[in-house]
C-alpha atoms as a PDB file:
ATOM      1  CA  PHE A   1     -19.390  -8.964  45.763  1.00  0.00           C
ATOM      2  CA  PHE A   2     -17.028  -6.233  44.874  1.00  0.00           C
ATOM      3  CA  LEU A   3     -13.852  -6.604  42.436  1.00  0.00           C
ATOM      4  CA  MET A   4     -11.128  -4.348  43.970  1.00  0.00           C
ATOM      5  CA  ILE A   5      -8.538  -3.319  41.050  1.00  0.00           C
ATOM      6  CA  ARG A   6      -5.389  -2.671  42.498  1.00  0.00           C
ATOM      7  CA  ARG A   7      -2.665  -0.239  40.765  1.00  0.00           C
ATOM      8  CA  PRO A   8       1.027  -1.664  40.953  1.00  0.00           C
ATOM      9  CA  PRO A   9       3.228   0.782  42.673  1.00  0.00           C
ATOM     10  CA  ARG A  10       4.848   3.569  40.764  1.00  0.00           C
ATOM     11  CA  SER A  11       8.584   2.801  39.688  1.00  0.00           C
ATOM     12  CA  THR A  12       9.457   6.565  40.053  1.00  0.00           C
ATOM     13  CA  GLN A  13       7.840   9.561  42.098  1.00  0.00           C
ATOM     14  CA  SER A  14       6.261  12.417  40.475  1.00  0.00           C
ATOM     15  CA  ARG A  15       7.950  15.602  40.094  1.00  0.00           C
ATOM     16  CA  SER A  16       5.921  17.240  42.790  1.00  0.00           C
ATOM     17  CA  SER A  17       6.304  14.404  45.384  1.00  0.00           C
ATOM     18  CA  ALA A  18       9.974  14.529  44.310  1.00  0.00           C
ATOM     19  CA  ALA A  19      10.367  18.058  45.186  1.00  0.00           C
ATOM     20  CA  SER A  20       8.375  17.649  48.717  1.00  0.00           C
ATOM     21  CA  ASP A  21      10.870  15.375  49.613  1.00  0.00           C
ATOM     22  CA  VAL A  22      13.654  17.709  48.908  1.00  0.00           C
ATOM     23  CA  TYR A  23      11.801  20.494  50.900  1.00  0.00           C
ATOM     24  CA  LYS A  24      10.986  18.052  53.447  1.00  0.00           C
ATOM     25  CA  ARG A  25      14.948  17.163  53.998  1.00  0.00           C
ATOM     26  CA  GLN A  26      15.948  20.731  53.909  1.00  0.00           C
ATOM     27  CA  ASP A  27      13.554  21.797  56.761  1.00  0.00           C
ATOM     28  CA  LEU A  28      14.822  18.434  58.728  1.00  0.00           C
ATOM     29  CA  TYR A  29      18.391  19.238  58.374  1.00  0.00           C
ATOM     30  CA  SER A  30      17.595  23.064  59.050  1.00  0.00           C
ATOM     31  CA  THR A  31      16.076  22.144  62.495  1.00  0.00           C
ATOM     32  CA  LEU A  32      18.639  19.725  63.119  1.00  0.00           C
ATOM     33  CA  SER A  33      21.613  22.130  62.581  1.00  0.00           C
ATOM     34  CA  SER A  34      19.708  24.623  64.833  1.00  0.00           C
ATOM     35  CA  LEU A  35      19.246  22.255  67.748  1.00  0.00           C
ATOM     36  CA  GLN A  36      23.018  21.195  67.359  1.00  0.00           C
ATOM     37  CA  GLU A  37      24.258  24.895  67.514  1.00  0.00           C
ATOM     38  CA  LYS A  38      22.476  25.310  70.642  1.00  0.00           C
ATOM     39  CA  LYS A  39      24.226  22.235  71.938  1.00  0.00           C
ATOM     40  CA  ASP A  40      27.495  23.291  71.301  1.00  0.00           C
ATOM     41  CA  ASP A  41      27.724  20.023  68.704  1.00  0.00           C
ATOM     42  CA  THR A  42      30.031  21.729  66.363  1.00  0.00           C
ATOM     43  CA  ILE A  43      30.575  18.684  64.269  1.00  0.00           C
ATOM     44  CA  GLY A  44      26.780  17.701  63.645  1.00  0.00           C
ATOM     45  CA  TYR A  45      25.786  21.252  63.183  1.00  0.00           C
ATOM     46  CA  LEU A  46      28.546  21.119  60.054  1.00  0.00           C
ATOM     47  CA  GLU A  47      27.470  18.217  58.970  1.00  0.00           C
ATOM     48  CA  SER A  48      23.916  19.127  59.061  1.00  0.00           C
ATOM     49  CA  LEU A  49      24.750  22.493  57.286  1.00  0.00           C
ATOM     50  CA  ARG A  50      26.606  20.583  54.364  1.00  0.00           C
ATOM     51  CA  LYS A  51      23.776  18.366  53.945  1.00  0.00           C
ATOM     52  CA  ILE A  52      21.425  21.875  53.677  1.00  0.00           C
ATOM     53  CA  ARG A  53      24.083  23.321  51.314  1.00  0.00           C
ATOM     54  CA  ASP A  54      23.889  20.125  48.854  1.00  0.00           C
ATOM     55  CA  ILE A  55      20.183  20.313  48.727  1.00  0.00           C
ATOM     56  CA  TYR A  56      20.266  24.031  48.216  1.00  0.00           C
ATOM     57  CA  ILE A  57      22.688  23.770  45.139  1.00  0.00           C
ATOM     58  CA  GLN A  58      20.633  20.856  43.772  1.00  0.00           C
ATOM     59  CA  VAL A  59      17.310  22.688  44.010  1.00  0.00           C
ATOM     60  CA  HIS A  60      18.952  26.161  43.807  1.00  0.00           C
ATOM     61  CA  GLY A  61      21.830  26.408  42.148  1.00  0.00           C
ATOM     62  CA  LEU A  62      25.628  27.401  43.446  1.00  0.00           C
ATOM     63  CA  GLN A  63      24.970  31.330  42.834  1.00  0.00           C
ATOM     64  CA  ASP A  64      21.506  31.549  44.620  1.00  0.00           C
ATOM     65  CA  LYS A  65      21.444  33.900  47.772  1.00  0.00           C
ATOM     66  CA  ARG A  66      20.320  31.185  50.123  1.00  0.00           C
ATOM     67  CA  THR A  67      22.942  28.797  48.871  1.00  0.00           C
ATOM     68  CA  LEU A  68      25.650  31.493  49.831  1.00  0.00           C
ATOM     69  CA  LYS A  69      24.220  32.319  53.326  1.00  0.00           C
ATOM     70  CA  VAL A  70      24.415  28.293  54.353  1.00  0.00           C
ATOM     71  CA  LYS A  71      28.102  28.455  52.871  1.00  0.00           C
ATOM     72  CA  ARG A  72      28.511  31.689  55.139  1.00  0.00           C
ATOM     73  CA  HIS A  73      27.348  29.874  58.133  1.00  0.00           C
ATOM     74  CA  ILE A  74      29.572  26.901  57.350  1.00  0.00           C
ATOM     75  CA  ALA A  75      32.423  29.251  57.455  1.00  0.00           C
ATOM     76  CA  LEU A  76      31.599  30.565  60.826  1.00  0.00           C
ATOM     77  CA  GLY A  77      31.249  27.120  62.080  1.00  0.00           C
ATOM     78  CA  LEU A  78      34.569  26.238  60.605  1.00  0.00           C
ATOM     79  CA  LEU A  79      36.240  29.103  62.284  1.00  0.00           C
ATOM     80  CA  LYS A  80      34.879  28.410  65.811  1.00  0.00           C
ATOM     81  CA  SER A  81      36.028  25.018  65.454  1.00  0.00           C
ATOM     82  CA  GLY A  82      39.622  26.218  64.668  1.00  0.00           C
ATOM     83  CA  GLN A  83      39.472  25.150  61.010  1.00  0.00           C
ATOM     84  CA  ASN A  84      40.592  28.339  59.329  1.00  0.00           C
ATOM     85  CA  LYS A  85      42.007  27.103  56.433  1.00  0.00           C
ATOM     86  CA  GLU A  86      38.539  25.371  55.461  1.00  0.00           C
ATOM     87  CA  ALA A  87      36.475  28.500  56.676  1.00  0.00           C
ATOM     88  CA  LEU A  88      38.735  30.716  54.291  1.00  0.00           C
ATOM     89  CA  HIS A  89      38.454  28.141  51.029  1.00  0.00           C
ATOM     90  CA  GLU A  90      34.440  28.463  52.076  1.00  0.00           C
ATOM     91  CA  LEU A  91      34.312  31.973  52.222  1.00  0.00           C
ATOM     92  CA  LEU A  92      36.569  32.583  49.179  1.00  0.00           C
ATOM     93  CA  GLU A  93      34.593  30.267  47.135  1.00  0.00           C
ATOM     94  CA  THR A  94      31.172  32.073  48.664  1.00  0.00           C
ATOM     95  CA  GLU A  95      32.660  35.405  47.292  1.00  0.00           C
ATOM     96  CA  VAL A  96      33.760  34.267  44.037  1.00  0.00           C
ATOM     97  CA  TYR A  97      30.172  32.875  43.238  1.00  0.00           C
ATOM     98  CA  SER A  98      28.745  36.194  45.055  1.00  0.00           C
ATOM     99  CA  GLU A  99      30.383  38.423  42.763  1.00  0.00           C
ATOM    100  CA  ILE A 100      29.070  35.969  39.834  1.00  0.00           C
ATOM    101  CA  SER A 101      25.853  36.613  40.692  1.00  0.00           C
ATOM    102  CA  CYS A 102      25.777  40.373  41.344  1.00  0.00           C
ATOM    103  CA  GLY A 103      27.799  40.851  38.078  1.00  0.00           C
ATOM    104  CA  LEU A 104      30.920  41.971  39.357  1.00  0.00           C
ATOM    105  CA  GLN A 105      33.381  39.856  37.704  1.00  0.00           C
END
């Protein structure tokens, strides 16, 4: 007879597995936000973009050009929905980090 030895499940994911999960979520939210934008679901679109922003901040940091691009898309979505003050706040924050990353302080 064969004796099968089972390993106990890992308590934590490996680094590469955890990173893979982050990129899968990022792709999922990117696809979802595109569909929501096409269907004029502004609230869902902004929620998805905010989740993408949070993932990008976690993975790439606040000053990364990908993070800043998503923040600009959030600002545009806010403008389209008439949330001008929030859009301005998002843009100003984006410009501050953009200047820092370019060394224009």
